[in-house]
Structure formats: structure tokens, C-alpha cells
């Protein structure tokens, strides 16, 4: 199979890391932004932008409020999908897979690395729930600041999700819309990857 250049290699996570590193040098804002897709109990999809915080050796990791709509839907289904698109590079990565929580020392460390205002905001926001006004939200921030001080611990309802892919697709723009697409797929995480070139 003619996987050369930006598609070369036997490890899709290494390819994804290399593409993200290139994007970090070119994209002006949030090169790690992903459009995260989940489904509700009726199978109706939801999609929203979140920030990918790590590409590990076998998973993609982001953080959120577990009580949010996305948190609830992921917990219920155990599955999610996302796409990273870099307009400047004319490339994208699509991922579909299984999801497990990351709520141990790694989540604690990431939470502690955030700005104090972001940490307090995580405590104050009842994410995805109706909000009467911004004034009410700011009052909640003041309340949690008084309660938790300047070094708040990670909230028990906030942490990471680790997406373990069953499919990863790498796409790069081609002349005359003859794009290059390679799909890495496997039935379960324990199996070896099958790599297929796809029509554009």
C-alpha cells in the first residue's frame, strides 16, 4: 500500500501526534480543538467543540464535567467520535471508539495545571443545565471561591475521558478533490489494525 510521506508509519497514534505538532506550528487558535460527537438515549446525535488534551500511546484524552450532556451521553453509551480539522494544513483526523473515564492522578494533575479561575469555574458551573443569568453564575464563582479557596481540589464530578479508537481515519486534501484517505480499523482494542485506502 502506498502510504508514504505524511501517512507513513505503523502507529496511527504517532501519525496523529505528528500531524497535531504540525498544526500547533500553523493554526492560530486551538489546534487541538475537536468536534466531539455523542448520542442521546433516543440515538439523536449531539456534537460540540472541546479541546483534546493528550494523545497517548493508545488513546485520546479530553476533560469535562461528567454531569454535562456530553458526559452523561458518553457514560450511558461508552462510545464517542470526533474529528480534528486543520484548515491551514488541509488535513483532518476522524476517530470512533470506546470511552473510559480518567479520574485518577492524571486528572488531578491536569486540573491543578489549569488557571485558578478555570478551576473555580469548574466548581461553579452546573454545565449544560439552565442558567437564570450571568450574574447568578458569577455569584456561584464567588461562593465557591470562599468555600474552596485558592487551591481547590478537583471536583468529583469533573475529570477526563479516554477515547480508545476502533477506527482512525487520516484525510489530506488532494488536487481536483482526489483526496488521500487511509482508515485504520479493528473490531476490539486488543486486535491488530487493518489499514485500508478509501476513495475520496
N, C-alpha and C. Protein backbone atom coordinates (compact mmCIF):
# COMPACT_ATOMS: atom_id res chain seq x y z
N UNK A 1 0.85 -1.20 0.00
CA UNK A 1 0.00 0.00 0.00
C UNK A 1 0.89 1.24 0.00
N UNK A 2 0.51 2.23 -0.78
CA UNK A 2 1.37 3.40 -0.98
C UNK A 2 1.18 4.46 0.11
N UNK A 3 1.47 4.07 1.34
CA UNK A 3 1.40 5.04 2.45
C UNK A 3 2.79 5.63 2.65
N UNK A 4 3.01 6.78 2.07
CA UNK A 4 4.31 7.43 2.19
C UNK A 4 4.09 8.85 2.70
N UNK A 5 5.17 9.58 2.91
CA UNK A 5 5.07 10.97 3.33
C UNK A 5 4.35 11.12 4.65
N UNK A 6 3.33 11.97 4.69
CA UNK A 6 2.62 12.26 5.94
C UNK A 6 1.82 11.07 6.46
N UNK A 7 1.60 10.06 5.61
CA UNK A 7 0.84 8.88 6.02
C UNK A 7 1.73 7.72 6.45
N UNK A 8 3.03 7.87 6.36
CA UNK A 8 3.95 6.77 6.62
C UNK A 8 4.00 6.41 8.10
N UNK A 9 4.22 5.12 8.36
CA UNK A 9 4.38 4.64 9.73
C UNK A 9 3.40 3.54 10.07
N UNK A 10 3.74 2.80 11.11
CA UNK A 10 2.92 1.68 11.55
C UNK A 10 2.08 1.97 12.78
N UNK A 11 2.20 3.18 13.34
CA UNK A 11 1.50 3.54 14.57
C UNK A 11 0.60 4.74 14.30
N UNK A 12 -0.73 4.55 14.30
CA UNK A 12 -1.61 5.69 13.99
C UNK A 12 -1.55 6.80 15.03
N UNK A 13 -1.23 6.45 16.28
CA UNK A 13 -1.12 7.48 17.31
C UNK A 13 0.10 8.36 17.07
N UNK A 14 1.18 7.77 16.57
CA UNK A 14 2.37 8.55 16.23
C UNK A 14 2.08 9.48 15.06
N UNK A 15 1.31 9.00 14.08
CA UNK A 15 0.93 9.85 12.95
C UNK A 15 0.07 11.01 13.45
N UNK A 16 -0.90 10.71 14.31
CA UNK A 16 -1.78 11.76 14.84
C UNK A 16 -0.98 12.79 15.63
N UNK A 17 -0.01 12.34 16.43
CA UNK A 17 0.83 13.27 17.18
C UNK A 17 1.65 14.15 16.24
N UNK A 18 2.18 13.57 15.18
CA UNK A 18 2.98 14.34 14.23
C UNK A 18 2.12 15.39 13.52
N UNK A 19 0.91 15.01 13.13
CA UNK A 19 0.03 15.97 12.47
C UNK A 19 -0.36 17.09 13.43
N UNK A 20 -0.65 16.75 14.69
CA UNK A 20 -1.00 17.78 15.66
C UNK A 20 0.17 18.72 15.90
N UNK A 21 1.37 18.18 15.96
CA UNK A 21 2.56 19.03 16.15
C UNK A 21 2.70 20.02 14.99
N UNK A 22 2.44 19.55 13.77
CA UNK A 22 2.49 20.46 12.62
C UNK A 22 1.42 21.53 12.73
N UNK A 23 0.22 21.13 13.17
CA UNK A 23 -0.88 22.08 13.30
C UNK A 23 -0.57 23.13 14.37
N UNK A 24 0.08 22.71 15.45
CA UNK A 24 0.42 23.65 16.52
C UNK A 24 1.35 24.76 16.02
N UNK A 25 2.13 24.47 14.99
CA UNK A 25 3.03 25.47 14.43
C UNK A 25 2.34 26.38 13.42
N UNK A 26 1.12 26.01 12.97
CA UNK A 26 0.46 26.77 11.90
C UNK A 26 -0.89 27.35 12.27
N UNK A 27 -1.69 26.61 13.03
CA UNK A 27 -3.03 27.08 13.37
C UNK A 27 -2.94 28.22 14.39
N UNK A 28 -3.72 29.28 14.17
CA UNK A 28 -3.67 30.44 15.05
C UNK A 28 -4.32 30.15 16.39
N UNK A 29 -5.49 29.53 16.37
CA UNK A 29 -6.24 29.27 17.60
C UNK A 29 -6.58 27.79 17.75
N UNK A 30 -6.32 27.29 18.93
CA UNK A 30 -6.79 25.95 19.34
C UNK A 30 -6.55 24.86 18.29
N UNK A 31 -5.30 24.56 17.96
CA UNK A 31 -5.04 23.47 17.02
C UNK A 31 -5.49 22.11 17.55
N UNK A 32 -5.71 22.03 18.87
CA UNK A 32 -6.16 20.78 19.49
C UNK A 32 -7.68 20.71 19.64
N UNK A 33 -8.41 21.59 18.97
CA UNK A 33 -9.87 21.56 19.04
C UNK A 33 -10.41 20.36 18.27
N UNK A 34 -11.38 19.69 18.86
CA UNK A 34 -12.04 18.56 18.20
C UNK A 34 -13.54 18.77 18.26
N UNK A 35 -14.23 18.32 17.22
CA UNK A 35 -15.69 18.29 17.22
C UNK A 35 -16.08 16.91 17.75
N UNK A 36 -16.59 16.89 18.98
CA UNK A 36 -16.89 15.63 19.68
C UNK A 36 -18.36 15.27 19.49
N UNK A 37 -18.62 14.05 19.02
CA UNK A 37 -19.99 13.59 18.77
C UNK A 37 -20.37 12.49 19.76
N UNK A 38 -21.60 12.62 20.28
CA UNK A 38 -22.19 11.60 21.16
C UNK A 38 -23.64 11.41 20.71
N UNK A 39 -24.32 10.43 21.30
CA UNK A 39 -25.75 10.25 21.01
C UNK A 39 -26.52 10.16 22.32
N UNK A 40 -27.77 10.65 22.29
CA UNK A 40 -28.60 10.57 23.49
C UNK A 40 -29.32 9.23 23.54
N UNK A 41 -30.20 9.08 24.52
CA UNK A 41 -30.88 7.79 24.73
C UNK A 41 -31.75 7.40 23.54
N UNK A 42 -32.19 8.39 22.75
CA UNK A 42 -33.02 8.10 21.58
C UNK A 42 -32.18 7.92 20.31
N UNK A 43 -30.86 7.99 20.44
CA UNK A 43 -29.99 7.85 19.28
C UNK A 43 -29.80 9.14 18.50
N UNK A 44 -30.29 10.28 19.04
CA UNK A 44 -30.14 11.57 18.37
C UNK A 44 -28.75 12.11 18.64
N UNK A 45 -27.98 12.45 17.61
CA UNK A 45 -26.60 12.89 17.82
C UNK A 45 -26.51 14.29 18.42
N UNK A 46 -25.43 14.52 19.14
CA UNK A 46 -25.01 15.82 19.62
C UNK A 46 -23.55 16.00 19.23
N UNK A 47 -23.16 17.21 18.85
CA UNK A 47 -21.76 17.48 18.55
C UNK A 47 -21.41 18.86 19.09
N UNK A 48 -20.18 18.97 19.62
CA UNK A 48 -19.71 20.24 20.17
C UNK A 48 -18.19 20.25 20.13
N UNK A 49 -17.62 21.45 20.21
CA UNK A 49 -16.17 21.58 20.20
C UNK A 49 -15.63 21.45 21.62
N UNK A 50 -14.59 20.65 21.78
CA UNK A 50 -13.85 20.55 23.04
C UNK A 50 -12.36 20.53 22.69
N UNK A 51 -11.53 20.66 23.71
CA UNK A 51 -10.09 20.67 23.47
C UNK A 51 -9.48 19.32 23.85
N UNK A 52 -8.81 18.71 22.90
CA UNK A 52 -8.08 17.47 23.15
C UNK A 52 -6.84 17.82 23.97
N UNK A 53 -6.63 17.12 25.07
CA UNK A 53 -5.52 17.47 25.95
C UNK A 53 -4.34 16.52 25.86
N UNK A 54 -4.54 15.33 25.31
CA UNK A 54 -3.40 14.41 25.20
C UNK A 54 -3.68 13.36 24.14
N UNK A 55 -2.64 13.02 23.39
CA UNK A 55 -2.66 11.82 22.55
C UNK A 55 -1.68 10.86 23.20
N UNK A 56 -2.22 9.81 23.79
CA UNK A 56 -1.38 8.81 24.46
C UNK A 56 -0.95 7.75 23.46
N UNK A 57 -0.30 6.71 23.94
CA UNK A 57 0.15 5.64 23.06
C UNK A 57 -1.01 4.81 22.53
N UNK A 58 -2.18 4.87 23.19
CA UNK A 58 -3.30 4.04 22.75
C UNK A 58 -4.65 4.73 22.91
N UNK A 59 -4.67 6.04 23.15
CA UNK A 59 -5.95 6.72 23.38
C UNK A 59 -5.81 8.23 23.20
N UNK A 60 -6.98 8.88 23.08
CA UNK A 60 -7.09 10.33 23.01
C UNK A 60 -7.83 10.80 24.26
N UNK A 61 -7.36 11.86 24.92
CA UNK A 61 -7.90 12.25 26.22
C UNK A 61 -8.39 13.70 26.20
N UNK A 62 -9.59 13.92 26.75
CA UNK A 62 -10.09 15.28 26.99
C UNK A 62 -10.76 15.30 28.36
N UNK A 63 -11.07 16.51 28.85
CA UNK A 63 -11.62 16.67 30.20
C UNK A 63 -12.91 17.46 30.15
N UNK A 64 -13.82 17.15 31.09
CA UNK A 64 -15.11 17.84 31.11
C UNK A 64 -15.83 17.58 32.43
N UNK A 65 -16.99 18.18 32.55
CA UNK A 65 -17.90 17.93 33.67
C UNK A 65 -18.68 16.64 33.36
N UNK A 66 -18.60 15.66 34.24
CA UNK A 66 -19.29 14.39 33.99
C UNK A 66 -20.81 14.54 33.97
N UNK A 67 -21.31 15.59 34.61
CA UNK A 67 -22.76 15.82 34.64
C UNK A 67 -23.27 16.57 33.42
N UNK A 68 -22.37 17.02 32.54
CA UNK A 68 -22.78 17.72 31.33
C UNK A 68 -23.51 16.76 30.40
N UNK A 69 -24.15 17.32 29.38
CA UNK A 69 -24.86 16.48 28.40
C UNK A 69 -23.90 15.48 27.77
N UNK A 70 -22.71 15.94 27.36
CA UNK A 70 -21.76 15.02 26.74
C UNK A 70 -21.28 13.97 27.73
N UNK A 71 -21.05 14.39 28.97
CA UNK A 71 -20.61 13.45 30.00
C UNK A 71 -21.64 12.37 30.25
N UNK A 72 -22.90 12.76 30.34
CA UNK A 72 -23.97 11.79 30.57
C UNK A 72 -24.12 10.84 29.38
N UNK A 73 -24.06 11.39 28.18
CA UNK A 73 -24.25 10.55 26.99
C UNK A 73 -23.09 9.58 26.80
N UNK A 74 -21.88 10.03 27.09
CA UNK A 74 -20.73 9.12 26.99
C UNK A 74 -20.83 8.02 28.04
N UNK A 75 -21.20 8.40 29.26
CA UNK A 75 -21.32 7.42 30.34
C UNK A 75 -22.37 6.37 30.00
N UNK A 76 -23.48 6.80 29.39
CA UNK A 76 -24.56 5.87 29.06
C UNK A 76 -24.18 4.92 27.92
N UNK A 77 -23.49 5.44 26.90
CA UNK A 77 -23.20 4.60 25.72
C UNK A 77 -21.83 3.95 25.75
N UNK A 78 -20.87 4.60 26.43
CA UNK A 78 -19.50 4.11 26.43
C UNK A 78 -18.80 4.31 25.10
N UNK A 79 -19.36 5.19 24.24
CA UNK A 79 -18.80 5.40 22.90
C UNK A 79 -18.83 6.88 22.54
N UNK A 80 -17.93 7.26 21.63
CA UNK A 80 -17.91 8.63 21.12
C UNK A 80 -17.12 8.66 19.82
N UNK A 81 -17.22 9.78 19.13
CA UNK A 81 -16.46 10.01 17.90
C UNK A 81 -16.03 11.46 17.88
N UNK A 82 -14.97 11.74 17.15
CA UNK A 82 -14.59 13.14 16.98
C UNK A 82 -13.85 13.32 15.66
N UNK A 83 -13.76 14.58 15.25
CA UNK A 83 -12.95 14.95 14.11
C UNK A 83 -12.10 16.15 14.49
N UNK A 84 -10.81 16.11 14.10
CA UNK A 84 -9.91 17.26 14.18
C UNK A 84 -9.69 17.72 12.76
N UNK A 85 -9.93 19.00 12.52
CA UNK A 85 -9.75 19.53 11.16
C UNK A 85 -8.84 20.74 11.23
N UNK A 86 -7.82 20.72 10.37
CA UNK A 86 -6.88 21.84 10.31
C UNK A 86 -6.96 22.45 8.93
N UNK A 87 -7.61 23.62 8.84
CA UNK A 87 -7.80 24.28 7.56
C UNK A 87 -6.47 24.67 6.94
N UNK A 88 -5.53 25.12 7.79
CA UNK A 88 -4.24 25.58 7.26
C UNK A 88 -3.44 24.44 6.64
N UNK A 89 -3.58 23.21 7.18
CA UNK A 89 -2.86 22.06 6.66
C UNK A 89 -3.67 21.29 5.61
N UNK A 90 -4.97 21.60 5.54
CA UNK A 90 -5.89 20.86 4.67
C UNK A 90 -5.87 19.36 5.00
N UNK A 91 -6.00 19.11 6.31
CA UNK A 91 -6.00 17.72 6.79
C UNK A 91 -7.04 17.55 7.88
N UNK A 92 -7.45 16.31 8.09
CA UNK A 92 -8.31 16.01 9.23
C UNK A 92 -8.06 14.59 9.71
N UNK A 93 -8.40 14.37 10.97
CA UNK A 93 -8.33 13.05 11.59
C UNK A 93 -9.70 12.76 12.18
N UNK A 94 -10.27 11.61 11.82
CA UNK A 94 -11.55 11.17 12.37
C UNK A 94 -11.31 9.96 13.25
N UNK A 95 -11.99 9.94 14.41
CA UNK A 95 -11.81 8.85 15.38
C UNK A 95 -13.18 8.40 15.88
N UNK A 96 -13.36 7.08 15.97
CA UNK A 96 -14.56 6.48 16.59
C UNK A 96 -14.08 5.41 17.55
N UNK A 97 -14.70 5.35 18.74
CA UNK A 97 -14.24 4.31 19.65
C UNK A 97 -14.98 4.22 20.96
N UNK A 98 -14.36 3.48 21.85
CA UNK A 98 -14.89 3.23 23.19
C UNK A 98 -14.30 4.25 24.16
N UNK A 99 -15.05 4.53 25.22
CA UNK A 99 -14.62 5.59 26.14
C UNK A 99 -14.62 5.09 27.58
N UNK A 100 -13.55 5.41 28.29
CA UNK A 100 -13.46 5.13 29.73
C UNK A 100 -13.07 6.42 30.44
N UNK A 101 -13.41 6.51 31.71
CA UNK A 101 -13.09 7.70 32.49
C UNK A 101 -11.62 7.72 32.91
N UNK A 102 -11.10 8.92 33.02
CA UNK A 102 -9.79 9.15 33.62
C UNK A 102 -10.03 10.07 34.82
N UNK A 103 -10.11 9.47 36.01
CA UNK A 103 -10.40 10.27 37.20
C UNK A 103 -9.42 9.97 38.34
N UNK A 104 -8.19 9.65 37.95
CA UNK A 104 -7.15 9.38 38.93
C UNK A 104 -6.12 10.50 38.98
N UNK A 105 -4.88 10.16 39.30
CA UNK A 105 -3.81 11.16 39.43
C UNK A 105 -3.59 11.99 38.17
N UNK A 106 -3.79 11.41 36.99
CA UNK A 106 -3.61 12.16 35.75
C UNK A 106 -4.63 13.29 35.65
N UNK A 107 -5.89 12.99 36.03
CA UNK A 107 -6.92 14.04 36.02
C UNK A 107 -6.62 15.10 37.07
N UNK A 108 -6.15 14.67 38.24
CA UNK A 108 -5.79 15.62 39.30
C UNK A 108 -4.69 16.56 38.81
N UNK A 109 -3.69 16.00 38.16
CA UNK A 109 -2.56 16.80 37.69
C UNK A 109 -2.99 17.78 36.62
N UNK A 110 -3.83 17.35 35.68
CA UNK A 110 -4.28 18.28 34.66
C UNK A 110 -5.12 19.40 35.28
N UNK A 111 -6.03 19.03 36.18
CA UNK A 111 -6.87 20.05 36.84
C UNK A 111 -6.00 21.08 37.56
N UNK A 112 -4.98 20.62 38.26
CA UNK A 112 -4.09 21.52 39.00
C UNK A 112 -3.30 22.44 38.07
N UNK A 113 -3.10 22.02 36.81
CA UNK A 113 -2.33 22.83 35.87
C UNK A 113 -3.15 23.97 35.28
N UNK A 114 -4.47 23.94 35.45
CA UNK A 114 -5.33 24.97 34.89
C UNK A 114 -5.25 26.25 35.71
N UNK A 115 -5.66 27.37 35.11
CA UNK A 115 -5.67 28.64 35.85
C UNK A 115 -6.65 28.54 37.02
N UNK A 116 -6.43 29.34 38.05
CA UNK A 116 -7.32 29.32 39.22
C UNK A 116 -8.75 29.63 38.81
N UNK A 117 -8.94 30.59 37.92
CA UNK A 117 -10.31 30.94 37.51
C UNK A 117 -10.98 29.77 36.80
N UNK A 118 -10.23 29.03 36.01
CA UNK A 118 -10.81 27.86 35.33
C UNK A 118 -11.15 26.77 36.33
N UNK A 119 -10.29 26.59 37.35
CA UNK A 119 -10.58 25.57 38.37
C UNK A 119 -11.82 25.93 39.17
N UNK A 120 -11.94 27.21 39.54
CA UNK A 120 -13.13 27.64 40.29
C UNK A 120 -14.37 27.58 39.40
N UNK A 121 -14.20 27.90 38.12
CA UNK A 121 -15.32 27.82 37.19
C UNK A 121 -15.86 26.41 37.06
N UNK A 122 -14.97 25.42 37.13
CA UNK A 122 -15.41 24.02 37.06
C UNK A 122 -16.31 23.69 38.24
N UNK A 123 -15.99 24.22 39.41
CA UNK A 123 -16.84 24.01 40.59
C UNK A 123 -18.16 24.75 40.45
N UNK A 124 -18.13 25.97 39.90
CA UNK A 124 -19.31 26.84 39.90
C UNK A 124 -20.34 26.48 38.84
N UNK A 125 -19.89 25.96 37.70
CA UNK A 125 -20.80 25.72 36.58
C UNK A 125 -21.51 24.37 36.69
N UNK A 126 -22.82 24.41 36.66
CA UNK A 126 -23.63 23.19 36.58
C UNK A 126 -23.84 22.93 35.09
N UNK A 127 -22.78 22.50 34.42
CA UNK A 127 -22.70 22.50 32.97
C UNK A 127 -23.89 21.85 32.29
N UNK A 128 -24.38 22.51 31.26
CA UNK A 128 -25.49 22.08 30.40
C UNK A 128 -26.86 22.30 31.03
N UNK A 129 -26.92 22.71 32.28
CA UNK A 129 -28.21 22.96 32.94
C UNK A 129 -28.64 24.41 32.67
N UNK A 130 -29.95 24.70 32.71
CA UNK A 130 -30.41 26.08 32.50
C UNK A 130 -29.79 27.04 33.52
N UNK A 131 -29.52 28.27 33.07
CA UNK A 131 -28.91 29.30 33.90
C UNK A 131 -29.76 30.56 33.82
N UNK A 132 -30.15 31.10 34.99
CA UNK A 132 -31.04 32.27 35.00
C UNK A 132 -30.36 33.53 34.49
N UNK A 133 -29.07 33.70 34.81
CA UNK A 133 -28.36 34.89 34.35
C UNK A 133 -26.86 34.72 34.57
N UNK A 134 -26.08 35.55 33.90
CA UNK A 134 -24.64 35.53 34.12
C UNK A 134 -24.32 35.99 35.54
N UNK A 135 -25.14 36.91 36.05
CA UNK A 135 -24.95 37.40 37.42
C UNK A 135 -25.01 36.24 38.41
N UNK A 136 -25.95 35.33 38.18
CA UNK A 136 -26.08 34.16 39.06
C UNK A 136 -24.82 33.29 38.98
N UNK A 137 -24.30 33.11 37.76
CA UNK A 137 -23.08 32.31 37.60
C UNK A 137 -21.91 32.95 38.34
N UNK A 138 -21.76 34.27 38.21
CA UNK A 138 -20.65 34.96 38.90
C UNK A 138 -20.80 34.87 40.41
N UNK A 139 -22.05 34.89 40.89
CA UNK A 139 -22.29 34.72 42.33
C UNK A 139 -21.87 33.33 42.78
N UNK A 140 -22.09 32.33 41.93
CA UNK A 140 -21.66 30.97 42.25
C UNK A 140 -20.13 30.88 42.30
N UNK A 141 -19.46 31.58 41.37
CA UNK A 141 -18.00 31.61 41.38
C UNK A 141 -17.50 32.21 42.69
N UNK A 142 -18.12 33.31 43.13
CA UNK A 142 -17.73 33.95 44.39
C UNK A 142 -17.95 33.00 45.56
N UNK A 143 -19.04 32.28 45.52
CA UNK A 143 -19.37 31.34 46.59
C UNK A 143 -18.34 30.21 46.68
N UNK A 144 -17.99 29.62 45.54
CA UNK A 144 -17.03 28.51 45.58
C UNK A 144 -15.62 29.02 45.90
N UNK A 145 -15.33 30.27 45.53
CA UNK A 145 -14.04 30.84 45.89
C UNK A 145 -13.92 30.95 47.41
N UNK A 146 -14.99 31.38 48.06
CA UNK A 146 -15.00 31.48 49.52
C UNK A 146 -14.92 30.11 50.17
N UNK A 147 -15.55 29.12 49.54
CA UNK A 147 -15.59 27.76 50.11
C UNK A 147 -14.30 26.99 49.87
N UNK A 148 -13.76 27.06 48.63
CA UNK A 148 -12.62 26.21 48.25
C UNK A 148 -11.28 26.92 48.25
N UNK A 149 -11.28 28.25 48.37
CA UNK A 149 -10.03 28.98 48.46
C UNK A 149 -9.24 29.03 47.17
N UNK A 150 -7.94 29.27 47.29
CA UNK A 150 -7.11 29.50 46.10
C UNK A 150 -6.42 28.23 45.58
N UNK A 151 -6.68 27.11 46.22
CA UNK A 151 -6.11 25.86 45.72
C UNK A 151 -7.17 24.74 45.79
N UNK A 152 -8.23 24.90 44.99
CA UNK A 152 -9.32 23.92 45.08
C UNK A 152 -8.93 22.55 44.55
N UNK A 153 -9.40 21.52 45.20
CA UNK A 153 -9.20 20.16 44.71
C UNK A 153 -10.09 19.93 43.50
N UNK A 154 -9.74 18.95 42.70
CA UNK A 154 -10.57 18.61 41.54
C UNK A 154 -11.96 18.18 41.99
N UNK A 155 -13.02 18.75 41.39
CA UNK A 155 -14.37 18.33 41.77
C UNK A 155 -14.60 16.86 41.44
N UNK A 156 -15.36 16.16 42.25
CA UNK A 156 -15.61 14.74 41.96
C UNK A 156 -16.42 14.53 40.69
N UNK A 157 -17.11 15.58 40.24
CA UNK A 157 -17.93 15.49 39.03
C UNK A 157 -17.21 15.97 37.78
N UNK A 158 -15.90 16.18 37.89
CA UNK A 158 -15.13 16.72 36.76
C UNK A 158 -13.89 15.85 36.57
N UNK A 159 -13.62 15.48 35.33
CA UNK A 159 -12.43 14.67 35.07
C UNK A 159 -12.27 14.39 33.59
N UNK A 160 -11.52 13.34 33.29
CA UNK A 160 -11.19 13.05 31.91
C UNK A 160 -11.98 11.91 31.32
N UNK A 161 -11.99 11.89 30.00
CA UNK A 161 -12.47 10.74 29.23
C UNK A 161 -11.35 10.33 28.28
N UNK A 162 -11.12 9.05 28.22
CA UNK A 162 -10.09 8.48 27.34
C UNK A 162 -10.81 7.72 26.22
N UNK A 163 -10.64 8.19 24.97
CA UNK A 163 -11.25 7.54 23.82
C UNK A 163 -10.26 6.53 23.25
N UNK A 164 -10.65 5.27 23.26
CA UNK A 164 -9.82 4.17 22.76
C UNK A 164 -10.37 3.80 21.39
N UNK A 165 -9.68 4.14 20.32
CA UNK A 165 -10.26 4.04 18.98
C UNK A 165 -10.44 2.61 18.48
N UNK A 166 -11.54 2.43 17.76
CA UNK A 166 -11.74 1.25 16.93
C UNK A 166 -11.53 1.63 15.47
N UNK A 167 -11.63 2.93 15.17
CA UNK A 167 -11.35 3.43 13.83
C UNK A 167 -10.64 4.77 13.94
N UNK A 168 -9.62 4.95 13.10
CA UNK A 168 -8.96 6.25 12.93
C UNK A 168 -8.80 6.45 11.44
N UNK A 169 -9.27 7.58 10.95
CA UNK A 169 -9.11 7.88 9.53
C UNK A 169 -8.29 9.16 9.35
N UNK A 170 -7.27 9.07 8.53
CA UNK A 170 -6.44 10.23 8.19
C UNK A 170 -6.81 10.68 6.78
N UNK A 171 -7.08 11.98 6.65
CA UNK A 171 -7.53 12.56 5.39
C UNK A 171 -6.65 13.76 5.06
N UNK A 172 -6.22 13.86 3.81
CA UNK A 172 -5.46 15.02 3.35
C UNK A 172 -6.01 15.46 2.00
N UNK A 173 -6.12 16.76 1.84
CA UNK A 173 -6.66 17.34 0.62
C UNK A 173 -5.81 16.98 -0.59
N UNK A 174 -6.47 16.67 -1.69
CA UNK A 174 -5.76 16.37 -2.92
C UNK A 174 -6.24 17.24 -4.07
N UNK A 175 -5.44 17.36 -5.09
CA UNK A 175 -5.81 18.16 -6.26
C UNK A 175 -7.07 17.58 -6.92
N UNK A 176 -7.92 18.49 -7.39
CA UNK A 176 -9.15 18.12 -8.10
C UNK A 176 -10.06 17.22 -7.24
N UNK A 177 -10.01 17.46 -5.92
CA UNK A 177 -10.83 16.71 -4.94
C UNK A 177 -10.50 15.21 -4.92
N UNK A 178 -9.32 14.85 -5.40
CA UNK A 178 -8.87 13.47 -5.32
C UNK A 178 -8.04 13.32 -4.03
N UNK A 179 -8.77 13.35 -2.93
CA UNK A 179 -8.13 13.37 -1.62
C UNK A 179 -7.51 12.01 -1.27
N UNK A 180 -6.57 12.03 -0.33
CA UNK A 180 -5.99 10.79 0.19
C UNK A 180 -6.65 10.47 1.52
N UNK A 181 -7.13 9.24 1.65
CA UNK A 181 -7.80 8.79 2.89
C UNK A 181 -7.30 7.39 3.24
N UNK A 182 -6.89 7.23 4.49
CA UNK A 182 -6.50 5.91 4.99
C UNK A 182 -7.23 5.65 6.30
N UNK A 183 -7.92 4.52 6.37
CA UNK A 183 -8.66 4.14 7.57
C UNK A 183 -7.95 3.00 8.28
N UNK A 184 -7.67 3.19 9.56
CA UNK A 184 -7.14 2.15 10.44
C UNK A 184 -8.35 1.63 11.23
N UNK A 185 -8.60 0.34 11.20
CA UNK A 185 -9.77 -0.19 11.91
C UNK A 185 -9.44 -1.52 12.58
N UNK A 186 -10.21 -1.81 13.64
CA UNK A 186 -10.09 -3.07 14.37
C UNK A 186 -11.41 -3.30 15.09
N UNK A 187 -11.74 -4.57 15.33
CA UNK A 187 -13.02 -4.90 15.96
C UNK A 187 -13.01 -4.60 17.44
N UNK A 188 -11.88 -4.86 18.10
CA UNK A 188 -11.72 -4.59 19.53
C UNK A 188 -10.31 -4.04 19.74
N UNK A 189 -10.08 -3.31 20.84
CA UNK A 189 -8.77 -2.69 21.05
C UNK A 189 -7.61 -3.68 21.11
N UNK A 190 -7.88 -4.94 21.44
CA UNK A 190 -6.81 -5.93 21.56
C UNK A 190 -6.32 -6.45 20.21
N UNK A 191 -7.08 -6.21 19.15
CA UNK A 191 -6.72 -6.76 17.83
C UNK A 191 -5.79 -5.82 17.08
N UNK A 192 -5.12 -6.38 16.09
CA UNK A 192 -4.22 -5.58 15.24
C UNK A 192 -5.05 -4.70 14.30
N UNK A 193 -4.43 -3.61 13.88
CA UNK A 193 -5.09 -2.69 12.95
C UNK A 193 -5.13 -3.27 11.54
N UNK A 194 -6.23 -3.03 10.84
CA UNK A 194 -6.31 -3.24 9.39
C UNK A 194 -6.30 -1.86 8.75
N UNK A 195 -5.49 -1.68 7.72
CA UNK A 195 -5.36 -0.37 7.08
C UNK A 195 -5.91 -0.45 5.67
N UNK A 196 -6.82 0.47 5.34
CA UNK A 196 -7.48 0.48 4.05
C UNK A 196 -7.40 1.87 3.44
N UNK A 197 -7.00 1.92 2.17
CA UNK A 197 -7.09 3.19 1.45
C UNK A 197 -8.54 3.34 0.99
N UNK A 198 -9.14 4.52 1.19
CA UNK A 198 -10.52 4.78 0.82
C UNK A 198 -10.60 5.72 -0.37
N UNK A 199 -11.65 5.56 -1.16
CA UNK A 199 -11.91 6.52 -2.22
C UNK A 199 -12.19 7.89 -1.59
N UNK A 200 -11.84 8.96 -2.29
CA UNK A 200 -12.07 10.31 -1.74
C UNK A 200 -13.57 10.65 -1.72
